[in-house]
Amino acid sequence: MKIGVLAMQGAFAEHIGVLQRLEIEAVEVRKIDQLDDLAGLIIPGGESTTMLKLADIYRINETVKTKASAGLPVWGTCAGAILLADEVTNAGPHMPVSLGLMRMTVRRNAFGRQVDSFEVKLPVAGLGCEPFPAVFIRAPLIESVLPPAEVMARLGNGTIVAVRQGNLLATSFHPELSLDDRFHRYFIGMAETYLAQKRA
């Protein structure tokens, strides 16, 4: 099994490290042909405008959209969640259009600057009874979700911070910065299901 991590900019190395510890072949994706034969793709945290511009320059955006629409599991963390959203309320005039794959509205940098980063024990549907140690760094806020997207986790005040829509997954926080690898194992499970369906 190969899982790709979009390696244009941002925290891709941390995701690669977690996947390798879990004995998954991890691919740094910078070109279209590196999207071939993947069982899943992770879009990491970073600067969403820069990531979108680079992905557009290298013509990766449309290929990701096509493959995701055909069932490829795609997981966006922090800025990656912004890229997956079909609406970004404070995108700004110079931000490229997001991939528009998930039925959710996102607000960039809603939790403040990097100095406002925090960690919280977060109950997450599908990860078992033990709360997940979620690290928030300049995180986006998921303002609303529409079917078929479903909320996986909320903060204590009701703020949505994790969403799944079929083969698509979005988290406002950075699971790759935690020693807890359950979210990566969850995504690997999605990739295994995808491969099994392709072979059927």
N, C-alpha and C. Protein backbone atom coordinates (compact mmCIF):
# COMPACT_ATOMS: atom_id res chain seq x y z
N MET A 1 0.84 -1.20 0.00
CA MET A 1 0.00 0.00 0.00
C MET A 1 0.87 1.24 0.00
N LYS A 2 0.52 2.21 -0.86
CA LYS A 2 1.21 3.49 -0.90
C LYS A 2 0.23 4.60 -0.55
N ILE A 3 0.62 5.46 0.38
CA ILE A 3 -0.17 6.65 0.70
C ILE A 3 0.69 7.87 0.41
N GLY A 4 0.13 8.79 -0.35
CA GLY A 4 0.86 9.99 -0.71
C GLY A 4 0.59 11.12 0.27
N VAL A 5 1.55 12.01 0.39
CA VAL A 5 1.40 13.23 1.19
C VAL A 5 1.79 14.39 0.28
N LEU A 6 0.86 15.31 0.05
CA LEU A 6 1.15 16.47 -0.78
C LEU A 6 2.31 17.25 -0.16
N ALA A 7 3.41 17.37 -0.89
CA ALA A 7 4.64 17.90 -0.31
C ALA A 7 5.06 19.21 -0.96
N MET A 8 4.09 20.04 -1.28
CA MET A 8 4.37 21.34 -1.87
C MET A 8 4.91 22.32 -0.82
N GLN A 9 4.32 22.25 0.38
CA GLN A 9 4.62 23.21 1.44
C GLN A 9 3.96 22.71 2.71
N GLY A 10 4.47 23.12 3.86
CA GLY A 10 3.80 22.77 5.11
C GLY A 10 4.37 21.55 5.80
N ALA A 11 3.53 20.95 6.69
CA ALA A 11 3.99 19.91 7.62
C ALA A 11 3.87 18.51 7.04
N PHE A 12 4.40 18.33 5.82
CA PHE A 12 4.28 17.00 5.19
C PHE A 12 5.24 15.98 5.80
N ALA A 13 6.40 16.41 6.27
CA ALA A 13 7.40 15.47 6.79
C ALA A 13 6.88 14.73 8.01
N GLU A 14 6.09 15.41 8.84
CA GLU A 14 5.55 14.78 10.04
C GLU A 14 4.58 13.66 9.68
N HIS A 15 3.74 13.87 8.67
CA HIS A 15 2.83 12.81 8.22
C HIS A 15 3.62 11.63 7.65
N ILE A 16 4.66 11.93 6.87
CA ILE A 16 5.51 10.88 6.31
C ILE A 16 6.09 10.05 7.44
N GLY A 17 6.55 10.70 8.49
CA GLY A 17 7.15 9.99 9.62
C GLY A 17 6.18 9.05 10.30
N VAL A 18 4.93 9.51 10.51
CA VAL A 18 3.93 8.65 11.15
C VAL A 18 3.62 7.44 10.28
N LEU A 19 3.44 7.65 8.98
CA LEU A 19 3.14 6.55 8.07
C LEU A 19 4.27 5.54 8.04
N GLN A 20 5.51 6.01 8.04
CA GLN A 20 6.64 5.09 8.03
C GLN A 20 6.72 4.29 9.31
N ARG A 21 6.41 4.92 10.44
CA ARG A 21 6.40 4.18 11.71
C ARG A 21 5.34 3.09 11.69
N LEU A 22 4.27 3.32 10.93
CA LEU A 22 3.20 2.33 10.81
C LEU A 22 3.46 1.36 9.66
N GLU A 23 4.68 1.43 9.10
CA GLU A 23 5.14 0.52 8.05
C GLU A 23 4.31 0.63 6.77
N ILE A 24 3.91 1.87 6.47
CA ILE A 24 3.21 2.19 5.23
C ILE A 24 4.18 2.89 4.30
N GLU A 25 4.19 2.50 3.03
CA GLU A 25 5.03 3.20 2.05
C GLU A 25 4.45 4.59 1.82
N ALA A 26 5.24 5.61 2.15
CA ALA A 26 4.79 7.00 2.05
C ALA A 26 5.47 7.68 0.87
N VAL A 27 4.69 8.40 0.08
CA VAL A 27 5.19 9.05 -1.14
C VAL A 27 5.02 10.56 -1.02
N GLU A 28 6.10 11.31 -1.20
CA GLU A 28 6.01 12.77 -1.25
C GLU A 28 5.50 13.17 -2.63
N VAL A 29 4.34 13.79 -2.68
CA VAL A 29 3.68 14.10 -3.95
C VAL A 29 3.94 15.56 -4.34
N ARG A 30 4.63 15.73 -5.48
CA ARG A 30 4.87 17.07 -6.03
C ARG A 30 4.49 17.15 -7.51
N LYS A 31 4.30 15.98 -8.14
CA LYS A 31 3.98 15.92 -9.56
C LYS A 31 2.76 15.04 -9.78
N ILE A 32 2.09 15.25 -10.90
CA ILE A 32 0.87 14.52 -11.21
C ILE A 32 1.10 13.02 -11.21
N ASP A 33 2.21 12.57 -11.83
CA ASP A 33 2.41 11.12 -11.95
C ASP A 33 2.65 10.45 -10.60
N GLN A 34 2.98 11.23 -9.57
CA GLN A 34 3.17 10.66 -8.24
C GLN A 34 1.84 10.35 -7.55
N LEU A 35 0.75 10.75 -8.19
CA LEU A 35 -0.58 10.43 -7.68
C LEU A 35 -1.06 9.06 -8.16
N ASP A 36 -0.31 8.47 -9.07
CA ASP A 36 -0.69 7.16 -9.60
C ASP A 36 -0.48 6.07 -8.56
N ASP A 37 -1.37 5.10 -8.56
CA ASP A 37 -1.24 3.89 -7.72
C ASP A 37 -1.25 4.18 -6.22
N LEU A 38 -1.82 5.28 -5.81
CA LEU A 38 -1.94 5.57 -4.38
C LEU A 38 -3.21 4.96 -3.82
N ALA A 39 -3.15 4.57 -2.55
CA ALA A 39 -4.34 4.10 -1.84
C ALA A 39 -4.98 5.21 -1.03
N GLY A 40 -4.30 6.36 -0.95
CA GLY A 40 -4.83 7.50 -0.21
C GLY A 40 -3.89 8.68 -0.36
N LEU A 41 -4.40 9.87 -0.07
CA LEU A 41 -3.61 11.10 -0.16
C LEU A 41 -3.90 11.97 1.05
N ILE A 42 -2.82 12.46 1.68
CA ILE A 42 -2.95 13.39 2.81
C ILE A 42 -2.51 14.78 2.34
N ILE A 43 -3.36 15.78 2.62
CA ILE A 43 -3.01 17.17 2.35
C ILE A 43 -2.70 17.80 3.70
N PRO A 44 -1.45 18.17 3.96
CA PRO A 44 -1.05 18.57 5.32
C PRO A 44 -1.40 20.01 5.66
N GLY A 45 -1.07 20.37 6.89
CA GLY A 45 -1.17 21.75 7.31
C GLY A 45 -0.08 22.58 6.65
N GLY A 46 -0.27 23.89 6.65
CA GLY A 46 0.68 24.81 6.02
C GLY A 46 -0.02 26.12 5.74
N GLU A 47 0.32 26.77 4.65
CA GLU A 47 -0.31 28.02 4.27
C GLU A 47 -1.22 27.72 3.07
N SER A 48 -2.52 27.79 3.29
CA SER A 48 -3.47 27.29 2.30
C SER A 48 -3.37 28.00 0.96
N THR A 49 -3.18 29.32 0.96
CA THR A 49 -3.09 30.05 -0.30
C THR A 49 -1.88 29.60 -1.11
N THR A 50 -0.74 29.47 -0.44
CA THR A 50 0.49 29.03 -1.11
C THR A 50 0.32 27.62 -1.66
N MET A 51 -0.27 26.72 -0.85
CA MET A 51 -0.45 25.34 -1.28
C MET A 51 -1.34 25.26 -2.52
N LEU A 52 -2.42 26.01 -2.52
CA LEU A 52 -3.33 26.00 -3.67
C LEU A 52 -2.64 26.55 -4.92
N LYS A 53 -1.87 27.63 -4.77
CA LYS A 53 -1.19 28.22 -5.92
C LYS A 53 -0.17 27.26 -6.50
N LEU A 54 0.61 26.61 -5.63
CA LEU A 54 1.62 25.66 -6.10
C LEU A 54 0.98 24.45 -6.77
N ALA A 55 -0.08 23.94 -6.15
CA ALA A 55 -0.77 22.78 -6.72
C ALA A 55 -1.37 23.13 -8.08
N ASP A 56 -1.81 24.37 -8.22
CA ASP A 56 -2.37 24.81 -9.50
C ASP A 56 -1.27 24.94 -10.56
N ILE A 57 -0.12 25.51 -10.16
CA ILE A 57 1.01 25.65 -11.08
C ILE A 57 1.45 24.30 -11.62
N TYR A 58 1.50 23.31 -10.73
CA TYR A 58 1.94 21.98 -11.14
C TYR A 58 0.78 21.11 -11.62
N ARG A 59 -0.40 21.72 -11.75
CA ARG A 59 -1.58 21.07 -12.34
C ARG A 59 -2.03 19.83 -11.56
N ILE A 60 -1.83 19.87 -10.27
CA ILE A 60 -2.22 18.73 -9.44
C ILE A 60 -3.68 18.82 -9.01
N ASN A 61 -4.20 20.05 -8.88
CA ASN A 61 -5.55 20.25 -8.34
C ASN A 61 -6.62 19.41 -9.04
N GLU A 62 -6.68 19.51 -10.35
CA GLU A 62 -7.73 18.83 -11.10
C GLU A 62 -7.59 17.31 -11.00
N THR A 63 -6.36 16.83 -10.98
CA THR A 63 -6.14 15.39 -10.86
C THR A 63 -6.59 14.88 -9.50
N VAL A 64 -6.30 15.64 -8.44
CA VAL A 64 -6.76 15.26 -7.11
C VAL A 64 -8.28 15.22 -7.07
N LYS A 65 -8.92 16.23 -7.64
CA LYS A 65 -10.39 16.27 -7.67
C LYS A 65 -10.96 15.07 -8.41
N THR A 66 -10.36 14.74 -9.54
CA THR A 66 -10.84 13.61 -10.34
C THR A 66 -10.69 12.30 -9.58
N LYS A 67 -9.53 12.09 -8.98
CA LYS A 67 -9.28 10.84 -8.26
C LYS A 67 -10.14 10.74 -7.00
N ALA A 68 -10.33 11.86 -6.29
CA ALA A 68 -11.18 11.85 -5.10
C ALA A 68 -12.63 11.56 -5.47
N SER A 69 -13.08 12.13 -6.58
CA SER A 69 -14.45 11.88 -7.04
C SER A 69 -14.64 10.42 -7.44
N ALA A 70 -13.54 9.74 -7.81
CA ALA A 70 -13.60 8.33 -8.19
C ALA A 70 -13.40 7.40 -6.99
N GLY A 71 -13.23 7.99 -5.78
CA GLY A 71 -13.18 7.17 -4.58
C GLY A 71 -11.88 7.18 -3.81
N LEU A 72 -10.82 7.82 -4.33
CA LEU A 72 -9.55 7.85 -3.60
C LEU A 72 -9.73 8.54 -2.25
N PRO A 73 -9.34 7.91 -1.15
CA PRO A 73 -9.42 8.58 0.15
C PRO A 73 -8.47 9.77 0.21
N VAL A 74 -8.97 10.91 0.64
CA VAL A 74 -8.17 12.12 0.79
C VAL A 74 -8.45 12.70 2.17
N TRP A 75 -7.37 13.03 2.88
CA TRP A 75 -7.47 13.57 4.24
C TRP A 75 -6.76 14.92 4.28
N GLY A 76 -7.47 15.97 4.66
CA GLY A 76 -6.89 17.28 4.82
C GLY A 76 -6.78 17.66 6.28
N THR A 77 -5.57 18.02 6.73
CA THR A 77 -5.38 18.46 8.10
C THR A 77 -5.06 19.95 8.12
N CYS A 78 -5.75 20.69 8.99
CA CYS A 78 -5.57 22.14 9.14
C CYS A 78 -5.73 22.83 7.79
N ALA A 79 -4.66 23.35 7.18
CA ALA A 79 -4.80 24.00 5.87
C ALA A 79 -5.36 23.04 4.83
N GLY A 80 -5.05 21.75 4.98
CA GLY A 80 -5.59 20.76 4.06
C GLY A 80 -7.10 20.69 4.11
N ALA A 81 -7.66 20.92 5.31
CA ALA A 81 -9.12 20.95 5.44
C ALA A 81 -9.71 22.14 4.68
N ILE A 82 -8.99 23.26 4.67
CA ILE A 82 -9.43 24.43 3.91
C ILE A 82 -9.47 24.11 2.42
N LEU A 83 -8.46 23.40 1.95
CA LEU A 83 -8.40 23.05 0.53
C LEU A 83 -9.56 22.15 0.12
N LEU A 84 -10.04 21.30 1.04
CA LEU A 84 -11.11 20.37 0.71
C LEU A 84 -12.50 21.02 0.73
N ALA A 85 -12.66 22.11 1.47
CA ALA A 85 -13.98 22.71 1.68
C ALA A 85 -14.57 23.29 0.40
N ASP A 86 -15.90 23.25 0.31
CA ASP A 86 -16.53 23.86 -0.87
C ASP A 86 -16.81 25.34 -0.67
N GLU A 87 -16.58 25.84 0.56
CA GLU A 87 -16.73 27.29 0.79
C GLU A 87 -15.76 27.72 1.88
N VAL A 88 -15.04 28.82 1.62
CA VAL A 88 -14.13 29.43 2.60
C VAL A 88 -14.61 30.86 2.80
N THR A 89 -15.14 31.16 3.99
CA THR A 89 -15.84 32.44 4.17
C THR A 89 -14.91 33.64 4.16
N ASN A 90 -13.65 33.47 4.57
CA ASN A 90 -12.72 34.61 4.57
C ASN A 90 -11.53 34.33 3.67
N ALA A 91 -11.83 33.87 2.47
CA ALA A 91 -10.76 33.46 1.54
C ALA A 91 -9.89 34.63 1.10
N GLY A 92 -10.46 35.81 0.97
CA GLY A 92 -9.68 36.94 0.48
C GLY A 92 -9.63 36.97 -1.04
N PRO A 93 -9.39 38.14 -1.62
CA PRO A 93 -9.47 38.30 -3.08
C PRO A 93 -8.38 37.57 -3.85
N HIS A 94 -7.25 37.26 -3.20
CA HIS A 94 -6.11 36.67 -3.93
C HIS A 94 -5.96 35.17 -3.67
N MET A 95 -6.87 34.59 -2.90
CA MET A 95 -6.78 33.16 -2.64
C MET A 95 -7.41 32.38 -3.79
N PRO A 96 -6.68 31.39 -4.35
CA PRO A 96 -7.27 30.56 -5.41
C PRO A 96 -8.50 29.80 -4.90
N VAL A 97 -9.31 29.34 -5.81
CA VAL A 97 -10.50 28.58 -5.44
C VAL A 97 -10.07 27.25 -4.83
N SER A 98 -10.72 26.85 -3.73
CA SER A 98 -10.39 25.57 -3.08
C SER A 98 -10.82 24.41 -3.97
N LEU A 99 -10.46 23.20 -3.55
CA LEU A 99 -10.81 22.01 -4.34
C LEU A 99 -12.31 21.75 -4.35
N GLY A 100 -13.02 22.22 -3.32
CA GLY A 100 -14.48 22.13 -3.32
C GLY A 100 -15.02 20.72 -3.28
N LEU A 101 -14.37 19.84 -2.54
CA LEU A 101 -14.77 18.43 -2.51
C LEU A 101 -15.73 18.09 -1.38
N MET A 102 -15.68 18.85 -0.28
CA MET A 102 -16.50 18.50 0.89
C MET A 102 -17.56 19.55 1.16
N ARG A 103 -18.75 19.08 1.58
CA ARG A 103 -19.88 19.97 1.84
C ARG A 103 -19.73 20.61 3.22
N MET A 104 -18.80 21.54 3.31
CA MET A 104 -18.58 22.24 4.57
C MET A 104 -18.08 23.65 4.30
N THR A 105 -18.36 24.52 5.24
CA THR A 105 -17.90 25.91 5.17
C THR A 105 -16.83 26.11 6.24
N VAL A 106 -15.70 26.68 5.83
CA VAL A 106 -14.54 26.81 6.70
C VAL A 106 -14.12 28.27 6.79
N ARG A 107 -13.65 28.66 7.97
CA ARG A 107 -13.09 30.00 8.16
C ARG A 107 -11.62 29.87 8.54
N ARG A 108 -10.75 30.50 7.77
CA ARG A 108 -9.30 30.38 7.98
C ARG A 108 -8.85 31.06 9.26
N ASN A 109 -7.81 30.46 9.89
CA ASN A 109 -7.13 31.06 11.06
C ASN A 109 -8.10 31.52 12.15
N ALA A 110 -9.19 30.79 12.31
CA ALA A 110 -10.25 31.23 13.22
C ALA A 110 -9.84 31.15 14.69
N PHE A 111 -8.84 30.31 14.98
CA PHE A 111 -8.43 30.15 16.38
C PHE A 111 -7.29 31.07 16.77
N GLY A 112 -6.96 32.03 15.90
CA GLY A 112 -5.94 33.02 16.26
C GLY A 112 -4.57 32.71 15.67
N ARG A 113 -3.56 33.42 16.17
CA ARG A 113 -2.21 33.30 15.67
C ARG A 113 -1.51 32.08 16.28
N GLN A 114 -0.26 31.85 15.86
CA GLN A 114 0.48 30.69 16.34
C GLN A 114 0.66 30.71 17.85
N VAL A 115 0.78 31.90 18.43
CA VAL A 115 0.94 32.00 19.89
C VAL A 115 -0.33 31.56 20.62
N ASP A 116 -1.43 31.47 19.91
CA ASP A 116 -2.69 31.03 20.51
C ASP A 116 -2.92 29.53 20.35
N SER A 117 -1.88 28.79 19.95
CA SER A 117 -1.99 27.35 19.77
C SER A 117 -2.33 26.67 21.09
N PHE A 118 -3.02 25.53 20.98
CA PHE A 118 -3.40 24.80 22.19
C PHE A 118 -3.61 23.33 21.88
N GLU A 119 -3.66 22.52 22.92
CA GLU A 119 -3.94 21.09 22.79
C GLU A 119 -5.12 20.74 23.68
N VAL A 120 -5.99 19.86 23.20
CA VAL A 120 -7.18 19.49 23.97
C VAL A 120 -7.46 18.00 23.78
N LYS A 121 -7.97 17.36 24.82
CA LYS A 121 -8.40 15.97 24.73
C LYS A 121 -9.77 15.95 24.07
N LEU A 122 -9.86 15.30 22.92
CA LEU A 122 -11.03 15.43 22.06
C LEU A 122 -11.70 14.07 21.81
N PRO A 123 -12.96 13.91 22.24
CA PRO A 123 -13.68 12.69 21.86
C PRO A 123 -13.94 12.69 20.35
N VAL A 124 -13.61 11.58 19.69
CA VAL A 124 -13.76 11.49 18.23
C VAL A 124 -14.53 10.21 17.88
N ALA A 125 -15.62 10.37 17.16
CA ALA A 125 -16.40 9.21 16.72
C ALA A 125 -15.54 8.34 15.80
N GLY A 126 -15.48 7.06 16.10
CA GLY A 126 -14.73 6.13 15.27
C GLY A 126 -13.33 5.82 15.77
N LEU A 127 -12.88 6.53 16.82
CA LEU A 127 -11.53 6.30 17.34
C LEU A 127 -11.53 5.61 18.70
N GLY A 128 -12.68 5.17 19.17
CA GLY A 128 -12.72 4.50 20.46
C GLY A 128 -13.06 5.46 21.60
N CYS A 129 -13.05 4.93 22.81
CA CYS A 129 -13.50 5.70 23.97
C CYS A 129 -12.47 6.72 24.45
N GLU A 130 -11.20 6.45 24.23
CA GLU A 130 -10.15 7.34 24.74
C GLU A 130 -10.09 8.63 23.91
N PRO A 131 -10.18 9.80 24.56
CA PRO A 131 -10.10 11.07 23.81
C PRO A 131 -8.77 11.20 23.06
N PHE A 132 -8.81 11.91 21.94
CA PHE A 132 -7.61 12.10 21.11
C PHE A 132 -6.94 13.42 21.49
N PRO A 133 -5.60 13.42 21.65
CA PRO A 133 -4.88 14.66 21.98
C PRO A 133 -4.71 15.53 20.73
N ALA A 134 -5.63 16.47 20.53
CA ALA A 134 -5.66 17.27 19.31
C ALA A 134 -4.87 18.57 19.48
N VAL A 135 -3.93 18.81 18.56
CA VAL A 135 -3.08 20.00 18.59
C VAL A 135 -3.60 21.00 17.56
N PHE A 136 -3.94 22.20 18.03
CA PHE A 136 -4.47 23.26 17.16
C PHE A 136 -3.42 24.36 17.00
N ILE A 137 -3.03 24.65 15.74
CA ILE A 137 -2.06 25.70 15.44
C ILE A 137 -2.61 26.55 14.30
N ARG A 138 -2.97 27.76 14.56
CA ARG A 138 -3.57 28.66 13.54
C ARG A 138 -4.66 27.92 12.78
N ALA A 139 -5.49 27.25 13.52
CA ALA A 139 -6.42 26.28 12.92
C ALA A 139 -7.63 26.95 12.29
N PRO A 140 -8.17 26.34 11.24
CA PRO A 140 -9.43 26.80 10.67
C PRO A 140 -10.61 26.31 11.50
N LEU A 141 -11.69 27.02 11.41
CA LEU A 141 -12.94 26.63 12.08
C LEU A 141 -13.90 26.12 11.01
N ILE A 142 -14.48 24.96 11.26
CA ILE A 142 -15.50 24.43 10.35
C ILE A 142 -16.84 24.98 10.82
N GLU A 143 -17.35 25.96 10.08
CA GLU A 143 -18.54 26.69 10.52
C GLU A 143 -19.82 25.88 10.36
N SER A 144 -19.92 25.12 9.29
CA SER A 144 -21.13 24.34 9.06
C SER A 144 -20.83 23.16 8.15
N VAL A 145 -21.70 22.16 8.24
CA VAL A 145 -21.55 20.93 7.47
C VAL A 145 -22.91 20.55 6.90
N LEU A 146 -22.93 20.11 5.64
CA LEU A 146 -24.17 19.65 5.01
C LEU A 146 -24.01 18.20 4.58
N PRO A 147 -25.11 17.43 4.57
CA PRO A 147 -25.03 16.05 4.09
C PRO A 147 -24.51 16.02 2.64
N PRO A 148 -23.70 15.01 2.30
CA PRO A 148 -23.43 13.79 3.05
C PRO A 148 -22.29 13.88 4.05
N ALA A 149 -21.71 15.05 4.25
CA ALA A 149 -20.65 15.20 5.25
C ALA A 149 -21.23 15.01 6.65
N GLU A 150 -20.44 14.39 7.52
CA GLU A 150 -20.87 14.10 8.89
C GLU A 150 -19.81 14.54 9.89
N VAL A 151 -20.26 15.11 11.00
CA VAL A 151 -19.34 15.58 12.03
C VAL A 151 -18.79 14.39 12.82
N MET A 152 -17.46 14.36 12.97
CA MET A 152 -16.80 13.33 13.78
C MET A 152 -16.41 13.83 15.16
N ALA A 153 -16.15 15.14 15.27
CA ALA A 153 -15.69 15.66 16.56
C ALA A 153 -16.02 17.14 16.68
N ARG A 154 -16.32 17.53 17.91
CA ARG A 154 -16.56 18.93 18.25
C ARG A 154 -15.79 19.27 19.52
N LEU A 155 -15.42 20.54 19.64
CA LEU A 155 -14.90 21.03 20.91
C LEU A 155 -16.04 21.11 21.93
N GLY A 156 -15.69 21.36 23.17
CA GLY A 156 -16.70 21.44 24.22
C GLY A 156 -17.74 22.51 23.98
N ASN A 157 -17.38 23.56 23.23
CA ASN A 157 -18.34 24.65 22.95
C ASN A 157 -19.18 24.38 21.70
N GLY A 158 -19.03 23.18 21.11
CA GLY A 158 -19.81 22.81 19.93
C GLY A 158 -19.13 23.06 18.60
N THR A 159 -17.96 23.70 18.61
CA THR A 159 -17.25 23.99 17.37
C THR A 159 -16.85 22.69 16.67
N ILE A 160 -17.16 22.58 15.38
CA ILE A 160 -16.83 21.39 14.59
C ILE A 160 -15.35 21.41 14.23
N VAL A 161 -14.66 20.28 14.48
CA VAL A 161 -13.22 20.24 14.20
C VAL A 161 -12.79 18.98 13.43
N ALA A 162 -13.72 18.07 13.16
CA ALA A 162 -13.40 16.90 12.35
C ALA A 162 -14.65 16.45 11.60
N VAL A 163 -14.48 16.16 10.32
CA VAL A 163 -15.62 15.83 9.45
C VAL A 163 -15.21 14.69 8.50
N ARG A 164 -16.15 13.79 8.25
CA ARG A 164 -15.93 12.77 7.21
C ARG A 164 -17.08 12.83 6.21
N GLN A 165 -16.72 12.66 4.95
CA GLN A 165 -17.71 12.60 3.87
C GLN A 165 -17.30 11.46 2.94
N GLY A 166 -17.78 10.27 3.23
CA GLY A 166 -17.42 9.11 2.42
C GLY A 166 -15.93 8.85 2.46
N ASN A 167 -15.26 9.01 1.31
CA ASN A 167 -13.82 8.78 1.22
C ASN A 167 -12.98 10.01 1.57
N LEU A 168 -13.64 11.06 2.07
CA LEU A 168 -12.95 12.31 2.40
C LEU A 168 -12.97 12.55 3.90
N LEU A 169 -11.85 13.07 4.41
CA LEU A 169 -11.69 13.30 5.84
C LEU A 169 -11.05 14.67 6.04
N ALA A 170 -11.53 15.43 7.02
CA ALA A 170 -10.95 16.74 7.30
C ALA A 170 -10.84 16.95 8.80
N THR A 171 -9.68 17.45 9.23
CA THR A 171 -9.48 17.78 10.65
C THR A 171 -8.89 19.19 10.74
N SER A 172 -9.43 19.99 11.65
CA SER A 172 -8.90 21.34 11.85
C SER A 172 -7.53 21.31 12.53
N PHE A 173 -7.24 20.24 13.22
CA PHE A 173 -6.03 20.13 14.04
C PHE A 173 -4.97 19.28 13.34
N HIS A 174 -3.86 19.02 14.06
CA HIS A 174 -2.69 18.35 13.52
C HIS A 174 -2.46 17.00 14.21
N PRO A 175 -3.10 15.92 13.76
CA PRO A 175 -2.86 14.61 14.37
C PRO A 175 -1.41 14.14 14.24
N GLU A 176 -0.72 14.62 13.22
CA GLU A 176 0.67 14.18 13.00
C GLU A 176 1.63 14.70 14.06
N LEU A 177 1.19 15.70 14.85
CA LEU A 177 2.04 16.25 15.90
C LEU A 177 1.81 15.56 17.24
N SER A 178 0.91 14.59 17.26
CA SER A 178 0.63 13.84 18.47
C SER A 178 1.36 12.50 18.43
N LEU A 179 1.63 11.95 19.59
CA LEU A 179 2.21 10.60 19.65
C LEU A 179 1.14 9.54 19.44
N ASP A 180 -0.11 9.95 19.42
CA ASP A 180 -1.24 9.05 19.21
C ASP A 180 -1.46 8.88 17.71
N ASP A 181 -1.33 7.66 17.20
CA ASP A 181 -1.42 7.44 15.76
C ASP A 181 -2.79 6.92 15.31
N ARG A 182 -3.81 7.02 16.16
CA ARG A 182 -5.12 6.45 15.82
C ARG A 182 -5.75 7.09 14.59
N PHE A 183 -5.56 8.39 14.40
CA PHE A 183 -6.16 9.03 13.22
C PHE A 183 -5.51 8.52 11.94
N HIS A 184 -4.20 8.34 11.98
CA HIS A 184 -3.53 7.79 10.80
C HIS A 184 -3.96 6.34 10.56
N ARG A 185 -4.13 5.58 11.62
CA ARG A 185 -4.62 4.21 11.47
C ARG A 185 -6.05 4.21 10.89
N TYR A 186 -6.85 5.17 11.31
CA TYR A 186 -8.21 5.30 10.80
C TYR A 186 -8.18 5.56 9.29
N PHE A 187 -7.29 6.46 8.87
CA PHE A 187 -7.18 6.78 7.45
C PHE A 187 -6.63 5.59 6.66
N ILE A 188 -5.69 4.87 7.24
CA ILE A 188 -5.17 3.66 6.60
C ILE A 188 -6.31 2.66 6.39
N GLY A 189 -7.21 2.57 7.36
CA GLY A 189 -8.39 1.71 7.20
C GLY A 189 -9.25 2.13 6.02
N MET A 190 -9.41 3.44 5.83
CA MET A 190 -10.15 3.95 4.66
C MET A 190 -9.43 3.54 3.37
N ALA A 191 -8.10 3.62 3.39
CA ALA A 191 -7.33 3.24 2.21
C ALA A 191 -7.45 1.74 1.92
N GLU A 192 -7.44 0.93 2.95
CA GLU A 192 -7.61 -0.51 2.77
C GLU A 192 -8.97 -0.85 2.17
N THR A 193 -10.01 -0.14 2.62
CA THR A 193 -11.34 -0.35 2.05
C THR A 193 -11.37 0.03 0.58
N TYR A 194 -10.73 1.13 0.25
CA TYR A 194 -10.65 1.59 -1.15
C TYR A 194 -9.98 0.54 -2.03
N LEU A 195 -8.85 0.01 -1.57
CA LEU A 195 -8.14 -1.01 -2.34
C LEU A 195 -8.99 -2.27 -2.51
N ALA A 196 -9.68 -2.66 -1.44
CA ALA A 196 -10.52 -3.85 -1.52
C ALA A 196 -11.65 -3.67 -2.53
N GLN A 197 -12.22 -2.47 -2.57
CA GLN A 197 -13.29 -2.20 -3.53
C GLN A 197 -12.77 -2.19 -4.96
N LYS A 198 -11.55 -1.71 -5.15
CA LYS A 198 -10.97 -1.70 -6.49
C LYS A 198 -10.71 -3.13 -6.98
N ARG A 199 -10.34 -4.01 -6.06
CA ARG A 199 -10.02 -5.40 -6.44
C ARG A 199 -11.29 -6.23 -6.65
N ALA A 200 -12.40 -5.79 -6.05
CA ALA A 200 -13.64 -6.59 -6.11
C ALA A 200 -14.20 -6.64 -7.54
